[in-house]
Amino acid sequence: MSRRVSIKHWIEYLGVRAVVLALRFFPHQVALAFGDAVGKLLWHLGIRRKIARRNFDLCLGDRYSPAERDSILRRSYANFVRSIVELARLPKMLKNLDRYVRIEGLELFEKLRNSGRGALLVTGHFGNWELYGVALAKAGLPIDAVVGYQTNPLVDRFMVEYRRRLGMGVIRTGTASVGIYKSLRRGRMVAILADQDARDAGVIVRFCGVPASTFRGTAEIALKTGTPIGVAYISRNPDSITHTAFAVDIIYSDKLPPEKRNVEYITQLFTDILADGVRKYPTEYFWVHKRFKSTVGYD
């Protein structure tokens, strides 16, 4: 896809490259502390704070007081910017990545790899999801990520090549279904963020008990091909530096009872697993995206 490049695009691109390079010069803990401070500043400035509070109250409002909610959300903002810092520093982290990420349940996904069937890997906007993909690639799992286009074509190209250098393949939205089938035929795992609002193209399931439009494609491909669905998420540990990546479960659509082999049931199944992770680790979720735009809506 060819897109026109403007002077503004070049300025943004050079700014991104400069920030990425600068973050690699600092000691790791100093860089992460900087990310923590920037994240908390974004919260105090009120950047998308109303959306974050709305999402949290819908999903977990009965569990926490307003003060507890805001404390969790402030940490969520900090964790997100820390994750951006880590993404910039990944080439330096790659050699010793097992110092930073422990994959719990890796044998589940190794079983999928060894079967040669390929797999759909479902996760969400949770923890440092980019780091999880790189960790799986480093562990020897052939993995491709379904990613959208950045509005800036220069930044978009940079991010695609960056992921590839880190060991991940890239499947672009727009031609995703073709790319997914190709990857599966080659026995690769396809990583999908499954907690995005799908508008009219989705099936309505409940995310943390709230109706949410969710893309049908993952369940449809699993039903059509018999491809298993691995469900995963990653959480930052209390030291704020290391992570635990959870290979939570595998859904085999062809092993479900006949009455449950349908798009809605399978989509609800993996959505429930992701929602359980949100309840366990609420500071890890990216609360600022409009998960319920098509159903509940935002003022």
C-alpha atoms as a PDB file:
ATOM      1  CA  MET A   1       0.000   0.000   0.000  1.00  0.00           C
ATOM      2  CA  SER A   2       1.619   3.230  -1.197  1.00  0.00           C
ATOM      3  CA  ARG A   3       0.898   6.397   0.773  1.00  0.00           C
ATOM      4  CA  ARG A   4       2.040   9.957   0.273  1.00  0.00           C
ATOM      5  CA  VAL A   5       4.805  11.111   2.625  1.00  0.00           C
ATOM      6  CA  SER A   6       4.659  14.704   3.892  1.00  0.00           C
ATOM      7  CA  ILE A   7       7.126  16.888   5.740  1.00  0.00           C
ATOM      8  CA  LYS A   8       5.050  16.318   8.885  1.00  0.00           C
ATOM      9  CA  HIS A   9       5.528  12.568   8.452  1.00  0.00           C
ATOM     10  CA  TRP A  10       9.295  13.027   8.231  1.00  0.00           C
ATOM     11  CA  ILE A  11       9.367  15.180  11.371  1.00  0.00           C
ATOM     12  CA  GLU A  12       7.320  12.596  13.295  1.00  0.00           C
ATOM     13  CA  TYR A  13       9.452   9.736  11.994  1.00  0.00           C
ATOM     14  CA  LEU A  14      12.743  11.416  12.903  1.00  0.00           C
ATOM     15  CA  GLY A  15      11.310  12.213  16.334  1.00  0.00           C
ATOM     16  CA  VAL A  16      10.400   8.547  16.884  1.00  0.00           C
ATOM     17  CA  ARG A  17      13.851   7.395  15.784  1.00  0.00           C
ATOM     18  CA  ALA A  18      15.526   9.954  18.061  1.00  0.00           C
ATOM     19  CA  VAL A  19      13.485   8.865  21.094  1.00  0.00           C
ATOM     20  CA  VAL A  20      14.156   5.172  20.395  1.00  0.00           C
ATOM     21  CA  LEU A  21      17.897   5.770  20.149  1.00  0.00           C
ATOM     22  CA  ALA A  22      17.987   8.015  23.231  1.00  0.00           C
ATOM     23  CA  LEU A  23      16.215   5.439  25.394  1.00  0.00           C
ATOM     24  CA  ARG A  24      18.912   2.870  24.587  1.00  0.00           C
ATOM     25  CA  PHE A  25      21.672   5.008  26.075  1.00  0.00           C
ATOM     26  CA  PHE A  26      20.266   5.002  29.615  1.00  0.00           C
ATOM     27  CA  PRO A  27      20.670   2.178  32.125  1.00  0.00           C
ATOM     28  CA  HIS A  28      17.625  -0.093  31.991  1.00  0.00           C
ATOM     29  CA  GLN A  29      16.163   0.871  35.364  1.00  0.00           C
ATOM     30  CA  VAL A  30      16.650   4.583  34.677  1.00  0.00           C
ATOM     31  CA  ALA A  31      14.848   4.274  31.334  1.00  0.00           C
ATOM     32  CA  LEU A  32      11.965   2.415  32.978  1.00  0.00           C
ATOM     33  CA  ALA A  33      11.736   5.012  35.755  1.00  0.00           C
ATOM     34  CA  PHE A  34      11.459   7.662  33.050  1.00  0.00           C
ATOM     35  CA  GLY A  35       8.597   5.702  31.466  1.00  0.00           C
ATOM     36  CA  ASP A  36       6.905   5.407  34.836  1.00  0.00           C
ATOM     37  CA  ALA A  37       7.093   9.183  35.365  1.00  0.00           C
ATOM     38  CA  VAL A  38       5.781   9.974  31.880  1.00  0.00           C
ATOM     39  CA  GLY A  39       2.867   7.554  32.318  1.00  0.00           C
ATOM     40  CA  LYS A  40       1.836   9.122  35.606  1.00  0.00           C
ATOM     41  CA  LEU A  41       2.154  12.571  34.069  1.00  0.00           C
ATOM     42  CA  LEU A  42      -0.235  11.553  31.261  1.00  0.00           C
ATOM     43  CA  TRP A  43      -2.718  10.440  33.905  1.00  0.00           C
ATOM     44  CA  HIS A  44      -2.445  13.717  35.827  1.00  0.00           C
ATOM     45  CA  LEU A  45      -2.861  15.668  32.576  1.00  0.00           C
ATOM     46  CA  GLY A  46      -6.133  13.829  32.049  1.00  0.00           C
ATOM     47  CA  ILE A  47      -5.201  12.198  28.720  1.00  0.00           C
ATOM     48  CA  ARG A  48      -8.151   9.877  27.935  1.00  0.00           C
ATOM     49  CA  ARG A  49      -8.787   9.654  31.685  1.00  0.00           C
ATOM     50  CA  LYS A  50     -12.555   9.847  31.248  1.00  0.00           C
ATOM     51  CA  ILE A  51     -12.495   6.834  28.903  1.00  0.00           C
ATOM     52  CA  ALA A  52     -10.280   4.864  31.279  1.00  0.00           C
ATOM     53  CA  ARG A  53     -12.580   5.531  34.227  1.00  0.00           C
ATOM     54  CA  ARG A  54     -15.640   4.639  32.163  1.00  0.00           C
ATOM     55  CA  ASN A  55     -14.127   1.302  31.092  1.00  0.00           C
ATOM     56  CA  PHE A  56     -12.959   0.475  34.591  1.00  0.00           C
ATOM     57  CA  ASP A  57     -16.306   1.295  36.186  1.00  0.00           C
ATOM     58  CA  LEU A  58     -18.118  -0.867  33.643  1.00  0.00           C
ATOM     59  CA  CYS A  59     -15.794  -3.833  34.182  1.00  0.00           C
ATOM     60  CA  LEU A  60     -14.667  -3.633  37.801  1.00  0.00           C
ATOM     61  CA  GLY A  61     -16.545  -0.760  39.396  1.00  0.00           C
ATOM     62  CA  ASP A  62     -18.249  -2.998  41.949  1.00  0.00           C
ATOM     63  CA  ARG A  63     -14.893  -4.242  43.272  1.00  0.00           C
ATOM     64  CA  TYR A  64     -13.054  -1.004  43.999  1.00  0.00           C
ATOM     65  CA  SER A  65     -13.688   2.426  45.455  1.00  0.00           C
ATOM     66  CA  PRO A  66     -13.132   5.500  43.218  1.00  0.00           C
ATOM     67  CA  ALA A  67      -9.822   6.161  45.003  1.00  0.00           C
ATOM     68  CA  GLU A  68      -8.657   2.569  44.484  1.00  0.00           C
ATOM     69  CA  ARG A  69      -9.783   2.744  40.861  1.00  0.00           C
ATOM     70  CA  ASP A  70      -7.727   5.855  40.181  1.00  0.00           C
ATOM     71  CA  SER A  71      -4.675   4.349  41.880  1.00  0.00           C
ATOM     72  CA  ILE A  72      -4.944   1.273  39.624  1.00  0.00           C
ATOM     73  CA  LEU A  73      -5.448   3.389  36.512  1.00  0.00           C
ATOM     74  CA  ARG A  74      -2.457   5.595  37.344  1.00  0.00           C
ATOM     75  CA  ARG A  75      -0.297   2.463  37.562  1.00  0.00           C
ATOM     76  CA  SER A  76      -1.817   1.214  34.308  1.00  0.00           C
ATOM     77  CA  TYR A  77      -0.732   4.405  32.531  1.00  0.00           C
ATOM     78  CA  ALA A  78       2.765   4.022  34.000  1.00  0.00           C
ATOM     79  CA  ASN A  79       2.970   0.377  32.952  1.00  0.00           C
ATOM     80  CA  PHE A  80       1.940   1.239  29.411  1.00  0.00           C
ATOM     81  CA  VAL A  81       4.679   3.842  28.956  1.00  0.00           C
ATOM     82  CA  ARG A  82       7.185   1.493  30.582  1.00  0.00           C
ATOM     83  CA  SER A  83       6.192  -1.030  27.915  1.00  0.00           C
ATOM     84  CA  ILE A  84       6.914   1.524  25.177  1.00  0.00           C
ATOM     85  CA  VAL A  85      10.333   2.111  26.728  1.00  0.00           C
ATOM     86  CA  GLU A  86      10.973  -1.640  26.733  1.00  0.00           C
ATOM     87  CA  LEU A  87       9.920  -1.892  23.100  1.00  0.00           C
ATOM     88  CA  ALA A  88      12.491   0.776  22.218  1.00  0.00           C
ATOM     89  CA  ARG A  89      15.144  -1.103  24.191  1.00  0.00           C
ATOM     90  CA  LEU A  90      14.328  -4.615  22.965  1.00  0.00           C
ATOM     91  CA  PRO A  91      17.377  -4.965  20.696  1.00  0.00           C
ATOM     92  CA  LYS A  92      19.548  -4.486  23.809  1.00  0.00           C
ATOM     93  CA  MET A  93      17.375  -6.827  25.887  1.00  0.00           C
ATOM     94  CA  LEU A  94      17.152  -9.566  23.273  1.00  0.00           C
ATOM     95  CA  LYS A  95      20.401 -11.377  24.080  1.00  0.00           C
ATOM     96  CA  ASN A  96      19.359 -11.913  27.708  1.00  0.00           C
ATOM     97  CA  LEU A  97      15.595 -11.805  27.273  1.00  0.00           C
ATOM     98  CA  ASP A  98      15.027 -14.713  29.665  1.00  0.00           C
ATOM     99  CA  ARG A  99      16.258 -12.417  32.455  1.00  0.00           C
ATOM    100  CA  TYR A 100      13.244 -10.193  31.804  1.00  0.00           C
ATOM    101  CA  VAL A 101      10.500 -12.615  30.745  1.00  0.00           C
ATOM    102  CA  ARG A 102       9.511 -16.000  32.156  1.00  0.00           C
ATOM    103  CA  ILE A 103       6.907 -17.913  30.161  1.00  0.00           C
ATOM    104  CA  GLU A 104       4.648 -19.963  32.410  1.00  0.00           C
ATOM    105  CA  GLY A 105       3.040 -22.880  30.578  1.00  0.00           C
ATOM    106  CA  LEU A 106       5.370 -22.690  27.574  1.00  0.00           C
ATOM    107  CA  GLU A 107       4.992 -26.441  27.091  1.00  0.00           C
ATOM    108  CA  LEU A 108       1.388 -25.843  25.994  1.00  0.00           C
ATOM    109  CA  PHE A 109       2.522 -23.726  23.060  1.00  0.00           C
ATOM    110  CA  GLU A 110       5.497 -25.985  22.322  1.00  0.00           C
ATOM    111  CA  LYS A 111       2.960 -28.776  21.910  1.00  0.00           C
ATOM    112  CA  LEU A 112       1.181 -26.667  19.304  1.00  0.00           C
ATOM    113  CA  ARG A 113       4.452 -25.954  17.513  1.00  0.00           C
ATOM    114  CA  ASN A 114       5.443 -29.616  17.485  1.00  0.00           C
ATOM    115  CA  SER A 115       2.096 -30.633  16.026  1.00  0.00           C
ATOM    116  CA  GLY A 116       2.912 -28.692  12.856  1.00  0.00           C
ATOM    117  CA  ARG A 117      -0.720 -27.593  12.523  1.00  0.00           C
ATOM    118  CA  GLY A 118      -0.147 -23.940  13.262  1.00  0.00           C
ATOM    119  CA  ALA A 119      -2.204 -22.095  15.857  1.00  0.00           C
ATOM    120  CA  LEU A 120      -4.112 -18.904  16.516  1.00  0.00           C
ATOM    121  CA  LEU A 121      -2.661 -17.100  19.535  1.00  0.00           C
ATOM    122  CA  VAL A 122      -5.207 -14.839  21.213  1.00  0.00           C
ATOM    123  CA  THR A 123      -4.228 -12.097  23.626  1.00  0.00           C
ATOM    124  CA  GLY A 124      -5.364  -8.553  24.372  1.00  0.00           C
ATOM    125  CA  HIS A 125      -4.157  -5.044  25.147  1.00  0.00           C
ATOM    126  CA  PHE A 126      -2.625  -6.433  28.287  1.00  0.00           C
ATOM    127  CA  GLY A 127       0.812  -5.880  29.819  1.00  0.00           C
ATOM    128  CA  ASN A 128       3.633  -5.615  27.292  1.00  0.00           C
ATOM    129  CA  TRP A 129       1.986  -7.680  24.555  1.00  0.00           C
ATOM    130  CA  GLU A 130       4.764  -6.858  22.059  1.00  0.00           C
ATOM    131  CA  LEU A 131       7.339  -8.253  24.483  1.00  0.00           C
ATOM    132  CA  TYR A 132       5.349 -11.483  24.788  1.00  0.00           C
ATOM    133  CA  GLY A 133       5.482 -12.031  21.029  1.00  0.00           C
ATOM    134  CA  VAL A 134       9.227 -11.458  20.930  1.00  0.00           C
ATOM    135  CA  ALA A 135       9.728 -13.817  23.903  1.00  0.00           C
ATOM    136  CA  LEU A 136       7.821 -16.590  22.113  1.00  0.00           C
ATOM    137  CA  ALA A 137       9.881 -16.056  18.958  1.00  0.00           C
ATOM    138  CA  LYS A 138      13.081 -16.166  21.039  1.00  0.00           C
ATOM    139  CA  ALA A 139      11.854 -19.431  22.607  1.00  0.00           C
ATOM    140  CA  GLY A 140      11.725 -20.974  19.131  1.00  0.00           C
ATOM    141  CA  LEU A 141       8.048 -20.596  18.293  1.00  0.00           C
ATOM    142  CA  PRO A 142       7.452 -19.353  14.730  1.00  0.00           C
ATOM    143  CA  ILE A 143       5.088 -16.450  15.206  1.00  0.00           C
ATOM    144  CA  ASP A 144       3.412 -13.808  13.031  1.00  0.00           C
ATOM    145  CA  ALA A 145       1.458 -10.865  14.417  1.00  0.00           C
ATOM    146  CA  VAL A 146      -1.623  -9.313  12.842  1.00  0.00           C
ATOM    147  CA  VAL A 147      -1.008  -5.551  12.937  1.00  0.00           C
ATOM    148  CA  GLY A 148      -2.799  -2.510  11.571  1.00  0.00           C
ATOM    149  CA  TYR A 149      -1.384   0.448   9.670  1.00  0.00           C
ATOM    150  CA  GLN A 150       0.071   3.518  11.362  1.00  0.00           C
ATOM    151  CA  THR A 151      -1.197   6.839   9.983  1.00  0.00           C
ATOM    152  CA  ASN A 152       2.413   7.861   9.326  1.00  0.00           C
ATOM    153  CA  PRO A 153       3.758   5.615   6.518  1.00  0.00           C
ATOM    154  CA  LEU A 154       7.392   6.130   7.565  1.00  0.00           C
ATOM    155  CA  VAL A 155       6.693   5.134  11.168  1.00  0.00           C
ATOM    156  CA  ASP A 156       4.571   2.270   9.864  1.00  0.00           C
ATOM    157  CA  ARG A 157       7.433   0.908   7.747  1.00  0.00           C
ATOM    158  CA  PHE A 158       9.873   1.351  10.633  1.00  0.00           C
ATOM    159  CA  MET A 159       7.636  -0.607  13.033  1.00  0.00           C
ATOM    160  CA  VAL A 160       7.131  -3.469  10.564  1.00  0.00           C
ATOM    161  CA  GLU A 161      10.873  -3.845   9.974  1.00  0.00           C
ATOM    162  CA  TYR A 162      11.536  -3.455  13.698  1.00  0.00           C
ATOM    163  CA  ARG A 163       9.237  -6.391  14.526  1.00  0.00           C
ATOM    164  CA  ARG A 164      10.869  -8.494  11.831  1.00  0.00           C
ATOM    165  CA  ARG A 165      14.347  -7.783  13.189  1.00  0.00           C
ATOM    166  CA  LEU A 166      13.125  -8.941  16.586  1.00  0.00           C
ATOM    167  CA  GLY A 167      12.104 -12.308  15.122  1.00  0.00           C
ATOM    168  CA  MET A 168       8.388 -11.839  14.422  1.00  0.00           C
ATOM    169  CA  GLY A 169       6.562 -12.034  11.119  1.00  0.00           C
ATOM    170  CA  VAL A 170       3.920  -9.448  10.252  1.00  0.00           C
ATOM    171  CA  ILE A 171       0.458  -9.913   8.737  1.00  0.00           C
ATOM    172  CA  ARG A 172      -1.262  -6.686   7.746  1.00  0.00           C
ATOM    173  CA  THR A 173      -4.915  -5.946   8.383  1.00  0.00           C
ATOM    174  CA  GLY A 174      -6.899  -5.579   5.199  1.00  0.00           C
ATOM    175  CA  THR A 175      -5.388  -8.759   3.794  1.00  0.00           C
ATOM    176  CA  ALA A 176      -5.266 -10.469   7.175  1.00  0.00           C
ATOM    177  CA  SER A 177      -7.411 -13.483   6.341  1.00  0.00           C
ATOM    178  CA  VAL A 178      -5.195 -14.447   3.389  1.00  0.00           C
ATOM    179  CA  GLY A 179      -2.037 -13.926   5.444  1.00  0.00           C
ATOM    180  CA  ILE A 180      -3.404 -15.910   8.381  1.00  0.00           C
ATOM    181  CA  TYR A 181      -4.260 -18.932   6.227  1.00  0.00           C
ATOM    182  CA  LYS A 182      -0.791 -18.805   4.644  1.00  0.00           C
ATOM    183  CA  SER A 183       0.909 -18.719   8.034  1.00  0.00           C
ATOM    184  CA  LEU A 184      -1.201 -21.560   9.395  1.00  0.00           C
ATOM    185  CA  ARG A 185      -0.388 -23.736   6.375  1.00  0.00           C
ATOM    186  CA  ARG A 186       3.294 -23.186   7.187  1.00  0.00           C
ATOM    187  CA  GLY A 187       2.726 -24.355  10.765  1.00  0.00           C
ATOM    188  CA  ARG A 188       3.202 -20.896  12.273  1.00  0.00           C
ATOM    189  CA  MET A 189       1.421 -19.256  15.200  1.00  0.00           C
ATOM    190  CA  VAL A 190      -0.640 -16.156  14.426  1.00  0.00           C
ATOM    191  CA  ALA A 191      -0.935 -13.604  17.248  1.00  0.00           C
ATOM    192  CA  ILE A 192      -4.192 -11.633  17.371  1.00  0.00           C
ATOM    193  CA  LEU A 193      -5.313  -8.860  19.719  1.00  0.00           C
ATOM    194  CA  ALA A 194      -8.833 -10.089  20.403  1.00  0.00           C
ATOM    195  CA  ASP A 195     -10.211  -7.296  22.583  1.00  0.00           C
ATOM    196  CA  GLN A 196     -10.801  -4.605  19.976  1.00  0.00           C
ATOM    197  CA  ASP A 197     -14.208  -3.167  19.201  1.00  0.00           C
ATOM    198  CA  ALA A 198     -15.379  -4.767  15.936  1.00  0.00           C
ATOM    199  CA  ARG A 199     -18.320  -2.465  15.219  1.00  0.00           C
ATOM    200  CA  ASP A 200     -20.865  -4.094  12.880  1.00  0.00           C
ATOM    201  CA  ALA A 201     -18.398  -6.806  11.827  1.00  0.00           C
ATOM    202  CA  GLY A 202     -18.382  -8.406  15.252  1.00  0.00           C
ATOM    203  CA  VAL A 203     -20.283 -10.868  17.348  1.00  0.00           C
ATOM    204  CA  ILE A 204     -21.622  -9.546  20.674  1.00  0.00           C
ATOM    205  CA  VAL A 205     -20.150 -11.357  23.674  1.00  0.00           C
ATOM    206  CA  ARG A 206     -19.616 -10.237  27.260  1.00  0.00           C
ATOM    207  CA  PHE A 207     -16.240  -8.831  28.320  1.00  0.00           C
ATOM    208  CA  CYS A 208     -16.080  -8.600  32.121  1.00  0.00           C
ATOM    209  CA  GLY A 209     -19.851  -8.937  32.021  1.00  0.00           C
ATOM    210  CA  VAL A 210     -20.354  -6.021  29.594  1.00  0.00           C
ATOM    211  CA  PRO A 211     -21.654  -6.547  26.017  1.00  0.00           C
ATOM    212  CA  ALA A 212     -18.796  -6.002  23.569  1.00  0.00           C
ATOM    213  CA  SER A 213     -18.515  -6.317  19.798  1.00  0.00           C
ATOM    214  CA  THR A 214     -15.665  -8.741  19.082  1.00  0.00           C
ATOM    215  CA  PHE A 215     -14.204  -9.823  15.742  1.00  0.00           C
ATOM    216  CA  ARG A 216     -15.631 -13.072  14.433  1.00  0.00           C
ATOM    217  CA  GLY A 217     -12.605 -14.070  12.373  1.00  0.00           C
ATOM    218  CA  THR A 218     -10.637 -15.973  15.006  1.00  0.00           C
ATOM    219  CA  ALA A 219     -13.486 -18.349  15.796  1.00  0.00           C
ATOM    220  CA  GLU A 220     -14.497 -18.644  12.137  1.00  0.00           C
ATOM    221  CA  ILE A 221     -10.977 -19.676  11.075  1.00  0.00           C
ATOM    222  CA  ALA A 222     -10.714 -22.132  13.968  1.00  0.00           C
ATOM    223  CA  LEU A 223     -14.036 -23.733  12.999  1.00  0.00           C
ATOM    224  CA  LYS A 224     -13.195 -23.839   9.301  1.00  0.00           C
ATOM    225  CA  THR A 225      -9.687 -25.288   9.634  1.00  0.00           C
ATOM    226  CA  GLY A 226      -9.699 -27.059  12.999  1.00  0.00           C
ATOM    227  CA  THR A 227      -6.823 -24.814  14.084  1.00  0.00           C
ATOM    228  CA  PRO A 228      -6.395 -24.656  17.875  1.00  0.00           C
ATOM    229  CA  ILE A 229      -6.611 -21.325  19.701  1.00  0.00           C
ATOM    230  CA  GLY A 230      -3.970 -20.587  22.342  1.00  0.00           C
ATOM    231  CA  VAL A 231      -4.977 -17.954  24.893  1.00  0.00           C
ATOM    232  CA  ALA A 232      -2.274 -15.888  26.585  1.00  0.00           C
ATOM    233  CA  TYR A 233      -1.452 -12.700  28.421  1.00  0.00           C
ATOM    234  CA  ILE A 234       1.576 -11.136  30.126  1.00  0.00           C
ATOM    235  CA  SER A 235       1.899  -9.356  33.465  1.00  0.00           C
ATOM    236  CA  ARG A 236       4.615  -7.132  34.908  1.00  0.00           C
ATOM    237  CA  ASN A 237       6.003  -8.514  38.170  1.00  0.00           C
ATOM    238  CA  PRO A 238       6.079  -6.486  41.430  1.00  0.00           C
ATOM    239  CA  ASP A 239       9.713  -5.490  40.786  1.00  0.00           C
ATOM    240  CA  SER A 240       8.388  -3.494  37.773  1.00  0.00           C
ATOM    241  CA  ILE A 241      11.285  -4.808  35.638  1.00  0.00           C
ATOM    242  CA  THR A 242      10.561  -8.468  34.934  1.00  0.00           C
ATOM    243  CA  HIS A 243       7.457 -10.111  33.476  1.00  0.00           C
ATOM    244  CA  THR A 244       5.548 -13.361  33.667  1.00  0.00           C
ATOM    245  CA  ALA A 245       3.958 -14.437  30.397  1.00  0.00           C
ATOM    246  CA  PHE A 246       1.079 -16.865  30.869  1.00  0.00           C
ATOM    247  CA  ALA A 247       0.233 -19.515  28.297  1.00  0.00           C
ATOM    248  CA  VAL A 248      -3.203 -19.966  29.837  1.00  0.00           C
ATOM    249  CA  ASP A 249      -5.162 -22.483  27.795  1.00  0.00           C
ATOM    250  CA  ILE A 250      -5.761 -24.043  24.391  1.00  0.00           C
ATOM    251  CA  ILE A 251      -9.210 -24.209  22.805  1.00  0.00           C
ATOM    252  CA  TYR A 252      -9.751 -27.041  20.341  1.00  0.00           C
ATOM    253  CA  SER A 253     -12.943 -26.213  18.478  1.00  0.00           C
ATOM    254  CA  ASP A 254     -13.140 -29.676  16.929  1.00  0.00           C
ATOM    255  CA  LYS A 255     -13.220 -31.244  20.400  1.00  0.00           C
ATOM    256  CA  LEU A 256     -16.151 -29.170  21.637  1.00  0.00           C
ATOM    257  CA  PRO A 257     -19.641 -30.711  21.790  1.00  0.00           C
ATOM    258  CA  PRO A 258     -21.450 -30.149  18.461  1.00  0.00           C
ATOM    259  CA  GLU A 259     -23.880 -27.631  19.976  1.00  0.00           C
ATOM    260  CA  LYS A 260     -20.932 -25.479  21.109  1.00  0.00           C
ATOM    261  CA  ARG A 261     -19.072 -25.411  17.797  1.00  0.00           C
ATOM    262  CA  ASN A 262     -20.162 -21.933  16.845  1.00  0.00           C
ATOM    263  CA  VAL A 263     -18.615 -18.485  16.585  1.00  0.00           C
ATOM    264  CA  GLU A 264     -20.395 -16.954  19.578  1.00  0.00           C
ATOM    265  CA  TYR A 265     -19.525 -19.748  22.011  1.00  0.00           C
ATOM    266  CA  ILE A 266     -15.836 -19.916  21.044  1.00  0.00           C
ATOM    267  CA  THR A 267     -15.442 -16.128  21.057  1.00  0.00           C
ATOM    268  CA  GLN A 268     -17.040 -15.968  24.503  1.00  0.00           C
ATOM    269  CA  LEU A 269     -14.730 -18.749  25.688  1.00  0.00           C
ATOM    270  CA  PHE A 270     -11.470 -16.939  24.934  1.00  0.00           C
ATOM    271  CA  THR A 271     -12.950 -13.561  25.911  1.00  0.00           C
ATOM    272  CA  ASP A 272     -13.741 -14.976  29.369  1.00  0.00           C
ATOM    273  CA  ILE A 273     -10.117 -16.086  29.784  1.00  0.00           C
ATOM    274  CA  LEU A 274      -8.821 -12.634  28.868  1.00  0.00           C
ATOM    275  CA  ALA A 275     -11.364 -10.997  31.188  1.00  0.00           C
ATOM    276  CA  ASP A 276     -10.175 -13.237  34.010  1.00  0.00           C
ATOM    277  CA  GLY A 277      -6.670 -11.866  33.451  1.00  0.00           C
ATOM    278  CA  VAL A 278      -8.014  -8.316  33.654  1.00  0.00           C
ATOM    279  CA  ARG A 279      -9.661  -9.103  36.991  1.00  0.00           C
ATOM    280  CA  LYS A 280      -6.466 -10.675  38.353  1.00  0.00           C
ATOM    281  CA  TYR A 281      -4.094  -7.967  37.082  1.00  0.00           C
ATOM    282  CA  PRO A 282      -6.110  -4.774  36.546  1.00  0.00           C
ATOM    283  CA  THR A 283      -3.033  -2.527  36.495  1.00  0.00           C
ATOM    284  CA  GLU A 284      -1.873  -4.366  33.360  1.00  0.00           C
ATOM    285  CA  TYR A 285      -4.853  -3.607  31.159  1.00  0.00           C
ATOM    286  CA  PHE A 286      -4.840  -0.802  28.572  1.00  0.00           C
ATOM    287  CA  TRP A 287      -7.982   0.858  29.851  1.00  0.00           C
ATOM    288  CA  VAL A 288      -7.917   3.846  27.516  1.00  0.00           C
ATOM    289  CA  HIS A 289      -9.068   2.138  24.326  1.00  0.00           C
ATOM    290  CA  LYS A 290     -12.783   2.263  23.472  1.00  0.00           C
ATOM    291  CA  ARG A 291     -13.613  -1.394  24.020  1.00  0.00           C
ATOM    292  CA  PHE A 292     -17.372  -0.807  24.245  1.00  0.00           C
ATOM    293  CA  LYS A 293     -17.810   1.840  21.542  1.00  0.00           C
ATOM    294  CA  SER A 294     -20.356  -0.231  19.566  1.00  0.00           C
ATOM    295  CA  THR A 295     -22.399  -1.421  22.522  1.00  0.00           C
ATOM    296  CA  VAL A 296     -22.426   0.779  25.613  1.00  0.00           C
ATOM    297  CA  GLY A 297     -20.828   3.849  24.017  1.00  0.00           C
ATOM    298  CA  TYR A 298     -18.959   6.877  25.389  1.00  0.00           C
ATOM    299  CA  ASP A 299     -20.203  10.395  26.116  1.00  0.00           C
END
